[in-house]
Amino acid sequence: MDPMQHIDTPKKAQKLPKTLSIKEVEQLIETPDVTKTLGLRDRAILEVMYATGLRVSELIELKLADLHLDLGLIQTIGKGDKERIIPLGDLAIEWIRRYMEEARPKLLRSGENETHLFLNHHGHKFTRQGIWKNLKQTVFDAGIKKEVTPHTLRHSFATHLLENGADLRVVQELLGHADISTTQIYTHITKKRMADVYQKYFPRA
């Protein structure tokens, strides 16, 4: 009998996801020039990414039929073909409406029946690479020095919810995590931030 078989192997340390502060998120979201068609589209994309915590794969697959703006909801199909309904904030709804009224018709190719919500400058649905490239440029234009990926906005969405008192189970549901242990990584971030604040502000830390 192997004496080691009942010994737990050391767990690999979980790498804490990088997040943006609320101020940095606002700085990023407000960077696109909304007087231009592509700027208005990019603003709507950023608003949706931060308001919903969607994975980039879910974002690019969003269709017009998935929007229920009057109810303040969108639906998406996540990992494992699991459907979930996500609430939308008023600001995200406002910018989606503006994009759909003012920008999307200009991006849509004449005579084409494209049902995806967000279109690239060719009038087709975005690729993952297209979203990454756009975000990278917006981060640069915003003067943010951190490395920011589409997942950074998803991480920031979850972290800011928990920091403001949201229940872990609710955040799990919103993110579409099958297992709550996946969501618990965010509690480590909020605890780390709490420790940083303590060190900074407590006189005898």
N, C-alpha and C. Protein backbone atom coordinates (compact mmCIF):
# COMPACT_ATOMS: atom_id res chain seq x y z
N MET A 1 0.85 -1.21 0.00
CA MET A 1 0.00 0.00 0.00
C MET A 1 0.88 1.25 0.00
N ASP A 2 0.56 2.15 -0.88
CA ASP A 2 1.35 3.37 -1.01
C ASP A 2 0.97 4.34 0.12
N PRO A 3 1.92 4.66 1.03
CA PRO A 3 1.59 5.56 2.15
C PRO A 3 1.27 6.98 1.70
N MET A 4 1.61 7.30 0.46
CA MET A 4 1.40 8.68 -0.02
C MET A 4 0.01 8.89 -0.63
N GLN A 5 -0.75 7.80 -0.82
CA GLN A 5 -2.00 7.96 -1.59
C GLN A 5 -3.06 8.79 -0.87
N HIS A 6 -2.96 8.89 0.46
CA HIS A 6 -3.94 9.69 1.20
C HIS A 6 -3.43 11.09 1.54
N ILE A 7 -2.24 11.39 1.06
CA ILE A 7 -1.66 12.72 1.32
C ILE A 7 -2.12 13.66 0.22
N ASP A 8 -2.68 14.80 0.61
CA ASP A 8 -3.10 15.80 -0.38
C ASP A 8 -1.88 16.45 -1.01
N THR A 9 -1.92 16.54 -2.33
CA THR A 9 -0.82 17.24 -3.01
C THR A 9 -1.03 18.73 -2.85
N PRO A 10 0.06 19.51 -2.81
CA PRO A 10 -0.11 20.96 -2.65
C PRO A 10 -0.91 21.54 -3.80
N LYS A 11 -1.84 22.41 -3.46
CA LYS A 11 -2.65 23.04 -4.50
C LYS A 11 -1.84 24.12 -5.19
N LYS A 12 -2.04 24.20 -6.49
CA LYS A 12 -1.38 25.25 -7.25
C LYS A 12 -1.99 26.60 -6.84
N ALA A 13 -1.14 27.54 -6.54
CA ALA A 13 -1.65 28.86 -6.10
C ALA A 13 -2.45 29.49 -7.23
N GLN A 14 -3.63 29.98 -6.87
CA GLN A 14 -4.46 30.63 -7.88
C GLN A 14 -3.95 32.03 -8.13
N LYS A 15 -3.82 32.34 -9.40
CA LYS A 15 -3.36 33.67 -9.77
C LYS A 15 -4.56 34.63 -9.70
N LEU A 16 -4.40 35.69 -8.94
CA LEU A 16 -5.52 36.62 -8.81
C LEU A 16 -5.72 37.38 -10.11
N PRO A 17 -6.97 37.43 -10.60
CA PRO A 17 -7.22 38.16 -11.85
C PRO A 17 -6.94 39.65 -11.68
N LYS A 18 -6.44 40.27 -12.73
CA LYS A 18 -6.19 41.71 -12.69
C LYS A 18 -7.51 42.44 -12.90
N THR A 19 -7.70 43.51 -12.15
CA THR A 19 -8.93 44.29 -12.28
C THR A 19 -8.59 45.78 -12.42
N LEU A 20 -9.59 46.52 -12.86
CA LEU A 20 -9.47 47.98 -12.92
C LEU A 20 -10.27 48.58 -11.77
N SER A 21 -9.87 49.75 -11.32
CA SER A 21 -10.67 50.46 -10.32
C SER A 21 -11.91 51.02 -11.03
N ILE A 22 -12.90 51.43 -10.24
CA ILE A 22 -14.11 52.01 -10.84
C ILE A 22 -13.74 53.26 -11.65
N LYS A 23 -12.80 54.04 -11.12
CA LYS A 23 -12.37 55.26 -11.83
C LYS A 23 -11.72 54.91 -13.17
N GLU A 24 -10.90 53.86 -13.19
CA GLU A 24 -10.25 53.44 -14.44
C GLU A 24 -11.27 52.91 -15.45
N VAL A 25 -12.28 52.19 -14.95
CA VAL A 25 -13.33 51.69 -15.84
C VAL A 25 -14.05 52.86 -16.49
N GLU A 26 -14.40 53.87 -15.69
CA GLU A 26 -15.08 55.05 -16.22
C GLU A 26 -14.22 55.77 -17.25
N GLN A 27 -12.94 55.87 -16.93
CA GLN A 27 -11.96 56.51 -17.84
C GLN A 27 -11.93 55.78 -19.18
N LEU A 28 -11.92 54.46 -19.12
CA LEU A 28 -11.87 53.62 -20.32
C LEU A 28 -13.15 53.76 -21.14
N ILE A 29 -14.29 53.63 -20.46
CA ILE A 29 -15.59 53.66 -21.13
C ILE A 29 -15.86 55.00 -21.80
N GLU A 30 -15.35 56.08 -21.19
CA GLU A 30 -15.62 57.41 -21.72
C GLU A 30 -14.63 57.85 -22.79
N THR A 31 -13.68 56.97 -23.15
CA THR A 31 -12.65 57.34 -24.13
C THR A 31 -13.14 57.39 -25.59
N PRO A 32 -13.94 56.43 -26.07
CA PRO A 32 -14.34 56.49 -27.49
C PRO A 32 -15.05 57.79 -27.85
N ASP A 33 -14.78 58.27 -29.06
CA ASP A 33 -15.39 59.51 -29.56
C ASP A 33 -16.79 59.18 -30.08
N VAL A 34 -17.80 59.48 -29.28
CA VAL A 34 -19.17 59.07 -29.62
C VAL A 34 -19.81 59.94 -30.69
N THR A 35 -19.08 60.93 -31.19
CA THR A 35 -19.60 61.71 -32.32
C THR A 35 -19.36 60.95 -33.63
N LYS A 36 -18.55 59.88 -33.54
CA LYS A 36 -18.25 59.07 -34.73
C LYS A 36 -18.97 57.72 -34.62
N THR A 37 -19.29 57.14 -35.77
CA THR A 37 -20.03 55.87 -35.81
C THR A 37 -19.32 54.77 -35.03
N LEU A 38 -18.02 54.58 -35.30
CA LEU A 38 -17.27 53.51 -34.64
C LEU A 38 -17.07 53.81 -33.15
N GLY A 39 -16.94 55.08 -32.82
CA GLY A 39 -16.79 55.47 -31.42
C GLY A 39 -18.05 55.17 -30.62
N LEU A 40 -19.19 55.43 -31.23
CA LEU A 40 -20.48 55.17 -30.58
C LEU A 40 -20.66 53.66 -30.37
N ARG A 41 -20.27 52.90 -31.40
CA ARG A 41 -20.33 51.44 -31.26
C ARG A 41 -19.40 50.95 -30.15
N ASP A 42 -18.18 51.48 -30.12
CA ASP A 42 -17.20 51.03 -29.11
C ASP A 42 -17.65 51.39 -27.69
N ARG A 43 -18.29 52.55 -27.55
CA ARG A 43 -18.82 52.94 -26.24
C ARG A 43 -19.89 51.95 -25.80
N ALA A 44 -20.78 51.58 -26.72
CA ALA A 44 -21.85 50.62 -26.39
C ALA A 44 -21.26 49.27 -26.01
N ILE A 45 -20.22 48.83 -26.72
CA ILE A 45 -19.58 47.55 -26.42
C ILE A 45 -18.98 47.57 -25.02
N LEU A 46 -18.26 48.63 -24.68
CA LEU A 46 -17.63 48.73 -23.35
C LEU A 46 -18.68 48.78 -22.24
N GLU A 47 -19.75 49.53 -22.49
CA GLU A 47 -20.83 49.61 -21.49
C GLU A 47 -21.42 48.23 -21.23
N VAL A 48 -21.65 47.46 -22.29
CA VAL A 48 -22.23 46.12 -22.15
C VAL A 48 -21.26 45.18 -21.46
N MET A 49 -19.99 45.23 -21.84
CA MET A 49 -18.99 44.34 -21.24
C MET A 49 -18.90 44.56 -19.73
N TYR A 50 -18.88 45.81 -19.32
CA TYR A 50 -18.75 46.10 -17.89
C TYR A 50 -20.06 45.87 -17.13
N ALA A 51 -21.19 46.14 -17.79
CA ALA A 51 -22.49 46.02 -17.12
C ALA A 51 -22.94 44.57 -16.95
N THR A 52 -22.35 43.65 -17.74
CA THR A 52 -22.85 42.26 -17.74
C THR A 52 -21.79 41.23 -17.35
N GLY A 53 -20.50 41.58 -17.50
CA GLY A 53 -19.45 40.59 -17.24
C GLY A 53 -19.42 39.48 -18.28
N LEU A 54 -19.95 39.74 -19.47
CA LEU A 54 -19.96 38.72 -20.52
C LEU A 54 -18.54 38.31 -20.92
N ARG A 55 -18.37 37.04 -21.24
CA ARG A 55 -17.13 36.58 -21.88
C ARG A 55 -17.12 37.16 -23.29
N VAL A 56 -15.93 37.36 -23.86
CA VAL A 56 -15.85 37.95 -25.20
C VAL A 56 -16.57 37.06 -26.22
N SER A 57 -16.50 35.74 -26.03
CA SER A 57 -17.18 34.81 -26.95
C SER A 57 -18.70 35.01 -26.89
N GLU A 58 -19.23 35.34 -25.70
CA GLU A 58 -20.66 35.58 -25.54
C GLU A 58 -21.04 36.94 -26.14
N LEU A 59 -20.17 37.91 -25.96
CA LEU A 59 -20.42 39.26 -26.47
C LEU A 59 -20.59 39.26 -27.99
N ILE A 60 -19.65 38.60 -28.68
CA ILE A 60 -19.70 38.65 -30.16
C ILE A 60 -20.87 37.84 -30.72
N GLU A 61 -21.41 36.92 -29.92
CA GLU A 61 -22.55 36.12 -30.38
C GLU A 61 -23.90 36.75 -30.05
N LEU A 62 -23.90 37.88 -29.33
CA LEU A 62 -25.17 38.54 -28.99
C LEU A 62 -25.95 38.90 -30.24
N LYS A 63 -27.22 38.54 -30.25
CA LYS A 63 -28.07 38.86 -31.40
C LYS A 63 -29.15 39.85 -30.97
N LEU A 64 -29.75 40.49 -31.96
CA LEU A 64 -30.80 41.47 -31.67
C LEU A 64 -31.93 40.83 -30.86
N ALA A 65 -32.22 39.56 -31.16
CA ALA A 65 -33.31 38.86 -30.47
C ALA A 65 -32.97 38.56 -29.01
N ASP A 66 -31.70 38.69 -28.64
CA ASP A 66 -31.27 38.42 -27.25
C ASP A 66 -31.50 39.63 -26.33
N LEU A 67 -31.85 40.76 -26.94
CA LEU A 67 -32.06 41.99 -26.16
C LEU A 67 -33.51 42.09 -25.72
N HIS A 68 -33.69 42.40 -24.45
CA HIS A 68 -35.04 42.68 -23.93
C HIS A 68 -34.91 44.00 -23.14
N LEU A 69 -34.67 45.06 -23.91
CA LEU A 69 -34.31 46.34 -23.30
C LEU A 69 -35.44 46.93 -22.45
N ASP A 70 -36.68 46.70 -22.85
CA ASP A 70 -37.80 47.23 -22.06
C ASP A 70 -37.87 46.57 -20.68
N LEU A 71 -37.36 45.34 -20.60
CA LEU A 71 -37.32 44.62 -19.32
C LEU A 71 -35.98 44.82 -18.62
N GLY A 72 -35.02 45.45 -19.33
CA GLY A 72 -33.69 45.66 -18.75
C GLY A 72 -32.89 44.38 -18.66
N LEU A 73 -33.05 43.48 -19.66
CA LEU A 73 -32.39 42.18 -19.62
C LEU A 73 -31.77 41.82 -20.97
N ILE A 74 -30.72 40.97 -20.91
CA ILE A 74 -30.24 40.30 -22.12
C ILE A 74 -30.11 38.82 -21.79
N GLN A 75 -30.17 37.99 -22.83
CA GLN A 75 -29.95 36.56 -22.61
C GLN A 75 -28.73 36.13 -23.42
N THR A 76 -28.03 35.15 -22.91
CA THR A 76 -26.84 34.68 -23.60
C THR A 76 -26.68 33.18 -23.37
N ILE A 77 -25.96 32.54 -24.28
CA ILE A 77 -25.63 31.12 -24.12
C ILE A 77 -24.16 31.04 -23.74
N GLY A 78 -23.89 30.51 -22.55
CA GLY A 78 -22.52 30.44 -22.05
C GLY A 78 -21.90 29.08 -22.26
N LYS A 79 -20.90 28.78 -21.43
CA LYS A 79 -20.22 27.48 -21.52
C LYS A 79 -21.20 26.35 -21.25
N GLY A 80 -21.00 25.24 -21.97
CA GLY A 80 -21.87 24.09 -21.79
C GLY A 80 -23.28 24.34 -22.30
N ASP A 81 -23.40 25.30 -23.26
CA ASP A 81 -24.70 25.65 -23.84
C ASP A 81 -25.75 26.02 -22.80
N LYS A 82 -25.26 26.63 -21.70
CA LYS A 82 -26.17 27.00 -20.62
C LYS A 82 -26.66 28.44 -20.85
N GLU A 83 -27.97 28.59 -20.91
CA GLU A 83 -28.54 29.93 -21.12
C GLU A 83 -28.64 30.66 -19.78
N ARG A 84 -28.34 31.95 -19.81
CA ARG A 84 -28.59 32.74 -18.61
C ARG A 84 -29.13 34.12 -18.99
N ILE A 85 -29.87 34.68 -18.07
CA ILE A 85 -30.48 36.01 -18.25
C ILE A 85 -29.71 36.97 -17.35
N ILE A 86 -29.29 38.10 -17.92
CA ILE A 86 -28.48 39.05 -17.16
C ILE A 86 -29.15 40.42 -17.18
N PRO A 87 -29.27 41.07 -16.01
CA PRO A 87 -29.84 42.43 -16.00
C PRO A 87 -28.87 43.44 -16.60
N LEU A 88 -29.43 44.48 -17.17
CA LEU A 88 -28.64 45.57 -17.75
C LEU A 88 -28.93 46.85 -16.98
N GLY A 89 -27.89 47.63 -16.72
CA GLY A 89 -28.09 48.93 -16.08
C GLY A 89 -28.65 49.94 -17.07
N ASP A 90 -29.19 51.03 -16.53
CA ASP A 90 -29.79 52.08 -17.36
C ASP A 90 -28.81 52.66 -18.37
N LEU A 91 -27.55 52.87 -17.94
CA LEU A 91 -26.56 53.45 -18.85
C LEU A 91 -26.28 52.53 -20.03
N ALA A 92 -26.12 51.24 -19.76
CA ALA A 92 -25.87 50.28 -20.84
C ALA A 92 -27.05 50.27 -21.83
N ILE A 93 -28.26 50.29 -21.29
CA ILE A 93 -29.46 50.30 -22.14
C ILE A 93 -29.47 51.55 -23.03
N GLU A 94 -29.17 52.68 -22.40
CA GLU A 94 -29.15 53.97 -23.14
C GLU A 94 -28.17 53.93 -24.30
N TRP A 95 -26.96 53.39 -24.04
CA TRP A 95 -25.93 53.37 -25.10
C TRP A 95 -26.22 52.30 -26.16
N ILE A 96 -26.84 51.20 -25.79
CA ILE A 96 -27.25 50.20 -26.79
C ILE A 96 -28.29 50.82 -27.73
N ARG A 97 -29.26 51.52 -27.13
CA ARG A 97 -30.31 52.16 -27.95
C ARG A 97 -29.70 53.18 -28.93
N ARG A 98 -28.79 53.99 -28.41
CA ARG A 98 -28.14 55.00 -29.27
C ARG A 98 -27.37 54.35 -30.40
N TYR A 99 -26.64 53.28 -30.05
CA TYR A 99 -25.86 52.55 -31.07
C TYR A 99 -26.80 51.98 -32.14
N MET A 100 -27.90 51.38 -31.69
CA MET A 100 -28.83 50.75 -32.64
C MET A 100 -29.54 51.76 -33.54
N GLU A 101 -29.77 52.95 -32.99
CA GLU A 101 -30.47 53.98 -33.78
C GLU A 101 -29.53 54.77 -34.68
N GLU A 102 -28.34 55.11 -34.15
CA GLU A 102 -27.46 56.04 -34.86
C GLU A 102 -26.27 55.40 -35.59
N ALA A 103 -25.74 54.28 -35.05
CA ALA A 103 -24.50 53.73 -35.61
C ALA A 103 -24.72 52.42 -36.38
N ARG A 104 -25.50 51.51 -35.81
CA ARG A 104 -25.63 50.19 -36.45
C ARG A 104 -26.17 50.27 -37.88
N PRO A 105 -27.19 51.13 -38.16
CA PRO A 105 -27.69 51.21 -39.55
C PRO A 105 -26.60 51.64 -40.54
N LYS A 106 -25.64 52.45 -40.08
CA LYS A 106 -24.55 52.91 -40.97
C LYS A 106 -23.53 51.80 -41.21
N LEU A 107 -23.40 50.88 -40.25
CA LEU A 107 -22.44 49.78 -40.39
C LEU A 107 -23.03 48.62 -41.19
N LEU A 108 -24.34 48.50 -41.19
CA LEU A 108 -25.03 47.40 -41.85
C LEU A 108 -24.90 47.54 -43.37
N ARG A 109 -24.44 46.46 -44.01
CA ARG A 109 -24.32 46.46 -45.47
C ARG A 109 -25.71 46.47 -46.10
N SER A 110 -25.85 47.24 -47.13
CA SER A 110 -27.15 47.37 -47.81
C SER A 110 -27.65 45.99 -48.27
N GLY A 111 -28.88 45.69 -47.90
CA GLY A 111 -29.50 44.44 -48.34
C GLY A 111 -29.13 43.22 -47.52
N GLU A 112 -28.17 43.36 -46.59
CA GLU A 112 -27.76 42.20 -45.77
C GLU A 112 -28.62 42.11 -44.51
N ASN A 113 -28.94 40.89 -44.14
CA ASN A 113 -29.78 40.68 -42.96
C ASN A 113 -28.90 40.12 -41.83
N GLU A 114 -28.05 40.97 -41.26
CA GLU A 114 -27.14 40.55 -40.18
C GLU A 114 -27.86 40.69 -38.85
N THR A 115 -27.95 39.58 -38.11
CA THR A 115 -28.74 39.60 -36.87
C THR A 115 -27.89 39.82 -35.62
N HIS A 116 -26.55 39.78 -35.76
CA HIS A 116 -25.70 40.01 -34.59
C HIS A 116 -25.78 41.49 -34.19
N LEU A 117 -25.69 41.73 -32.90
CA LEU A 117 -25.84 43.09 -32.39
C LEU A 117 -24.67 43.99 -32.79
N PHE A 118 -23.45 43.56 -32.45
CA PHE A 118 -22.29 44.43 -32.70
C PHE A 118 -21.60 44.06 -34.01
N LEU A 119 -21.46 45.07 -34.86
CA LEU A 119 -20.90 44.85 -36.20
C LEU A 119 -19.55 45.55 -36.34
N ASN A 120 -18.65 44.92 -37.12
CA ASN A 120 -17.37 45.58 -37.43
C ASN A 120 -17.56 46.54 -38.60
N HIS A 121 -16.47 47.17 -39.02
CA HIS A 121 -16.61 48.20 -40.07
C HIS A 121 -16.95 47.60 -41.44
N HIS A 122 -16.92 46.25 -41.54
CA HIS A 122 -17.34 45.59 -42.78
C HIS A 122 -18.82 45.23 -42.74
N GLY A 123 -19.46 45.50 -41.59
CA GLY A 123 -20.88 45.20 -41.46
C GLY A 123 -21.18 43.77 -41.04
N HIS A 124 -20.14 43.06 -40.58
CA HIS A 124 -20.33 41.69 -40.13
C HIS A 124 -20.10 41.59 -38.62
N LYS A 125 -20.41 40.42 -38.05
CA LYS A 125 -20.20 40.26 -36.61
C LYS A 125 -18.70 40.29 -36.30
N PHE A 126 -18.39 40.73 -35.10
CA PHE A 126 -17.01 40.82 -34.65
C PHE A 126 -16.37 39.45 -34.49
N THR A 127 -15.04 39.43 -34.62
CA THR A 127 -14.27 38.26 -34.20
C THR A 127 -13.72 38.58 -32.82
N ARG A 128 -13.25 37.55 -32.11
CA ARG A 128 -12.61 37.77 -30.81
C ARG A 128 -11.42 38.71 -30.97
N GLN A 129 -10.65 38.48 -32.05
CA GLN A 129 -9.45 39.29 -32.29
C GLN A 129 -9.81 40.76 -32.51
N GLY A 130 -10.96 40.98 -33.18
CA GLY A 130 -11.41 42.35 -33.43
C GLY A 130 -11.72 43.09 -32.14
N ILE A 131 -12.37 42.41 -31.21
CA ILE A 131 -12.69 43.01 -29.91
C ILE A 131 -11.40 43.31 -29.15
N TRP A 132 -10.47 42.34 -29.13
CA TRP A 132 -9.18 42.53 -28.44
C TRP A 132 -8.43 43.73 -29.01
N LYS A 133 -8.36 43.79 -30.33
CA LYS A 133 -7.61 44.87 -31.00
C LYS A 133 -8.22 46.24 -30.68
N ASN A 134 -9.54 46.32 -30.75
CA ASN A 134 -10.24 47.56 -30.43
C ASN A 134 -10.00 48.00 -28.99
N LEU A 135 -10.10 47.03 -28.08
CA LEU A 135 -9.92 47.33 -26.65
C LEU A 135 -8.50 47.81 -26.38
N LYS A 136 -7.53 47.16 -27.00
CA LYS A 136 -6.12 47.53 -26.82
C LYS A 136 -5.90 48.99 -27.22
N GLN A 137 -6.50 49.39 -28.33
CA GLN A 137 -6.36 50.77 -28.80
C GLN A 137 -7.04 51.74 -27.85
N THR A 138 -8.23 51.38 -27.34
CA THR A 138 -8.97 52.25 -26.43
C THR A 138 -8.21 52.42 -25.11
N VAL A 139 -7.61 51.33 -24.62
CA VAL A 139 -6.81 51.38 -23.39
C VAL A 139 -5.64 52.35 -23.58
N PHE A 140 -4.99 52.25 -24.74
CA PHE A 140 -3.87 53.15 -25.07
C PHE A 140 -4.35 54.60 -25.11
N ASP A 141 -5.47 54.84 -25.80
CA ASP A 141 -6.02 56.19 -25.92
C ASP A 141 -6.44 56.75 -24.56
N ALA A 142 -6.87 55.87 -23.66
CA ALA A 142 -7.31 56.30 -22.32
C ALA A 142 -6.13 56.61 -21.40
N GLY A 143 -4.93 56.21 -21.83
CA GLY A 143 -3.73 56.46 -21.00
C GLY A 143 -3.63 55.52 -19.81
N ILE A 144 -4.29 54.37 -19.90
CA ILE A 144 -4.21 53.38 -18.82
C ILE A 144 -2.98 52.50 -19.05
N LYS A 145 -2.13 52.41 -18.05
CA LYS A 145 -0.85 51.71 -18.21
C LYS A 145 -0.94 50.22 -17.90
N LYS A 146 -2.02 49.78 -17.28
CA LYS A 146 -2.17 48.36 -16.95
C LYS A 146 -2.42 47.55 -18.22
N GLU A 147 -2.11 46.26 -18.13
CA GLU A 147 -2.48 45.35 -19.22
C GLU A 147 -3.96 45.04 -19.06
N VAL A 148 -4.75 45.35 -20.09
CA VAL A 148 -6.20 45.17 -20.01
C VAL A 148 -6.65 44.27 -21.16
N THR A 149 -7.38 43.21 -20.82
CA THR A 149 -7.97 42.32 -21.82
C THR A 149 -9.49 42.36 -21.64
N PRO A 150 -10.25 41.79 -22.58
CA PRO A 150 -11.71 41.74 -22.37
C PRO A 150 -12.07 41.07 -21.05
N HIS A 151 -11.27 40.10 -20.61
CA HIS A 151 -11.55 39.42 -19.35
C HIS A 151 -11.33 40.34 -18.14
N THR A 152 -10.48 41.36 -18.31
CA THR A 152 -10.25 42.31 -17.21
C THR A 152 -11.55 43.01 -16.84
N LEU A 153 -12.36 43.33 -17.84
CA LEU A 153 -13.65 43.99 -17.57
C LEU A 153 -14.61 43.02 -16.88
N ARG A 154 -14.56 41.76 -17.24
CA ARG A 154 -15.37 40.73 -16.58
C ARG A 154 -14.95 40.59 -15.11
N HIS A 155 -13.63 40.56 -14.87
CA HIS A 155 -13.12 40.48 -13.50
C HIS A 155 -13.51 41.72 -12.70
N SER A 156 -13.43 42.88 -13.33
CA SER A 156 -13.76 44.14 -12.64
C SER A 156 -15.24 44.18 -12.27
N PHE A 157 -16.08 43.72 -13.19
CA PHE A 157 -17.54 43.64 -12.96
C PHE A 157 -17.82 42.82 -11.69
N ALA A 158 -17.21 41.63 -11.60
CA ALA A 158 -17.45 40.74 -10.46
C ALA A 158 -16.90 41.34 -9.16
N THR A 159 -15.70 41.88 -9.24
CA THR A 159 -15.05 42.43 -8.04
C THR A 159 -15.82 43.63 -7.50
N HIS A 160 -16.24 44.53 -8.38
CA HIS A 160 -16.96 45.73 -7.94
C HIS A 160 -18.32 45.37 -7.33
N LEU A 161 -18.97 44.32 -7.88
CA LEU A 161 -20.24 43.86 -7.30
C LEU A 161 -20.02 43.36 -5.87
N LEU A 162 -19.00 42.52 -5.68
CA LEU A 162 -18.73 41.97 -4.35
C LEU A 162 -18.30 43.05 -3.37
N GLU A 163 -17.51 44.00 -3.84
CA GLU A 163 -17.06 45.09 -2.96
C GLU A 163 -18.23 45.95 -2.49
N ASN A 164 -19.28 45.96 -3.29
CA ASN A 164 -20.46 46.76 -2.93
C ASN A 164 -21.55 45.92 -2.26
N GLY A 165 -21.16 44.71 -1.82
CA GLY A 165 -22.08 43.93 -0.99
C GLY A 165 -22.90 42.87 -1.69
N ALA A 166 -22.62 42.59 -2.97
CA ALA A 166 -23.39 41.55 -3.67
C ALA A 166 -23.10 40.17 -3.09
N ASP A 167 -24.09 39.31 -3.16
CA ASP A 167 -23.97 37.94 -2.67
C ASP A 167 -23.14 37.11 -3.67
N LEU A 168 -22.28 36.25 -3.16
CA LEU A 168 -21.39 35.45 -4.01
C LEU A 168 -22.19 34.57 -4.98
N ARG A 169 -23.31 34.02 -4.50
CA ARG A 169 -24.13 33.16 -5.35
C ARG A 169 -24.74 33.93 -6.53
N VAL A 170 -25.10 35.18 -6.27
CA VAL A 170 -25.66 36.04 -7.33
C VAL A 170 -24.58 36.30 -8.38
N VAL A 171 -23.38 36.61 -7.93
CA VAL A 171 -22.26 36.87 -8.85
C VAL A 171 -21.95 35.61 -9.65
N GLN A 172 -22.00 34.45 -8.99
CA GLN A 172 -21.78 33.17 -9.69
C GLN A 172 -22.78 33.02 -10.84
N GLU A 173 -24.04 33.33 -10.53
CA GLU A 173 -25.12 33.21 -11.53
C GLU A 173 -24.90 34.17 -12.69
N LEU A 174 -24.55 35.41 -12.36
CA LEU A 174 -24.33 36.43 -13.40
C LEU A 174 -23.18 36.07 -14.32
N LEU A 175 -22.12 35.50 -13.74
CA LEU A 175 -20.94 35.14 -14.54
C LEU A 175 -21.12 33.83 -15.30
N GLY A 176 -22.11 33.03 -14.88
CA GLY A 176 -22.32 31.75 -15.54
C GLY A 176 -21.31 30.70 -15.13
N HIS A 177 -20.83 30.78 -13.88
CA HIS A 177 -19.91 29.76 -13.36
C HIS A 177 -20.70 28.54 -12.91
N ALA A 178 -20.29 27.36 -13.36
CA ALA A 178 -20.96 26.13 -12.95
C ALA A 178 -20.69 25.83 -11.48
N ASP A 179 -19.49 26.17 -11.02
CA ASP A 179 -19.06 25.84 -9.66
C ASP A 179 -18.74 27.12 -8.89
N ILE A 180 -19.24 27.24 -7.67
CA ILE A 180 -19.01 28.47 -6.90
C ILE A 180 -17.54 28.65 -6.53
N SER A 181 -16.77 27.56 -6.52
CA SER A 181 -15.34 27.68 -6.19
C SER A 181 -14.62 28.55 -7.22
N THR A 182 -15.14 28.56 -8.46
CA THR A 182 -14.56 29.42 -9.50
C THR A 182 -14.79 30.89 -9.16
N THR A 183 -15.97 31.17 -8.61
CA THR A 183 -16.33 32.56 -8.27
C THR A 183 -15.59 33.04 -7.03
N GLN A 184 -15.20 32.10 -6.16
CA GLN A 184 -14.58 32.48 -4.88
C GLN A 184 -13.24 33.17 -5.05
N ILE A 185 -12.62 33.04 -6.21
CA ILE A 185 -11.35 33.75 -6.47
C ILE A 185 -11.54 35.25 -6.25
N TYR A 186 -12.75 35.75 -6.52
CA TYR A 186 -13.00 37.19 -6.38
C TYR A 186 -13.05 37.64 -4.93
N THR A 187 -13.37 36.72 -4.03
CA THR A 187 -13.35 37.10 -2.61
C THR A 187 -11.91 37.32 -2.16
N HIS A 188 -10.96 36.60 -2.79
CA HIS A 188 -9.54 36.82 -2.48
C HIS A 188 -9.10 38.23 -2.89
N ILE A 189 -9.63 38.68 -4.03
CA ILE A 189 -9.27 40.03 -4.51
C ILE A 189 -9.78 41.08 -3.53
N THR A 190 -11.05 40.92 -3.11
CA THR A 190 -11.62 41.93 -2.21
C THR A 190 -10.91 41.92 -0.85
N LYS A 191 -10.50 40.72 -0.39
CA LYS A 191 -9.75 40.65 0.87
C LYS A 191 -8.38 41.30 0.74
N LYS A 192 -7.75 41.08 -0.41
CA LYS A 192 -6.42 41.68 -0.65
C LYS A 192 -6.55 43.21 -0.66
N ARG A 193 -7.60 43.69 -1.31
CA ARG A 193 -7.80 45.14 -1.38
C ARG A 193 -8.08 45.71 0.01
N MET A 194 -8.84 44.96 0.81
CA MET A 194 -9.13 45.37 2.18
C MET A 194 -7.83 45.49 2.97
N ALA A 195 -6.92 44.52 2.79
CA ALA A 195 -5.64 44.54 3.49
C ALA A 195 -4.79 45.73 3.04
N ASP A 196 -4.83 46.03 1.74
CA ASP A 196 -4.08 47.18 1.21
C ASP A 196 -4.57 48.49 1.82
N VAL A 197 -5.91 48.61 1.91
CA VAL A 197 -6.51 49.82 2.49
C VAL A 197 -6.11 49.94 3.96
N TYR A 198 -6.15 48.81 4.66
CA TYR A 198 -5.78 48.78 6.09
C TYR A 198 -4.33 49.26 6.26
N GLN A 199 -3.44 48.71 5.45
CA GLN A 199 -2.02 49.08 5.55
C GLN A 199 -1.81 50.56 5.26
N LYS A 200 -2.62 51.07 4.33
CA LYS A 200 -2.43 52.47 3.93
C LYS A 200 -2.99 53.45 4.95
N TYR A 201 -4.12 53.10 5.57
CA TYR A 201 -4.82 54.10 6.38
C TYR A 201 -4.76 53.88 7.90
N PHE A 202 -4.43 52.68 8.35
CA PHE A 202 -4.40 52.47 9.78
C PHE A 202 -3.06 52.94 10.33
N PRO A 203 -3.06 53.85 11.28
CA PRO A 203 -1.79 54.48 11.74
C PRO A 203 -0.79 53.50 12.33
N ARG A 204 -1.26 52.38 12.87
CA ARG A 204 -0.33 51.45 13.50
C ARG A 204 -0.15 50.15 12.72
N ALA A 205 -0.47 50.21 11.43
CA ALA A 205 -0.35 49.00 10.58
C ALA A 205 1.12 48.66 10.36
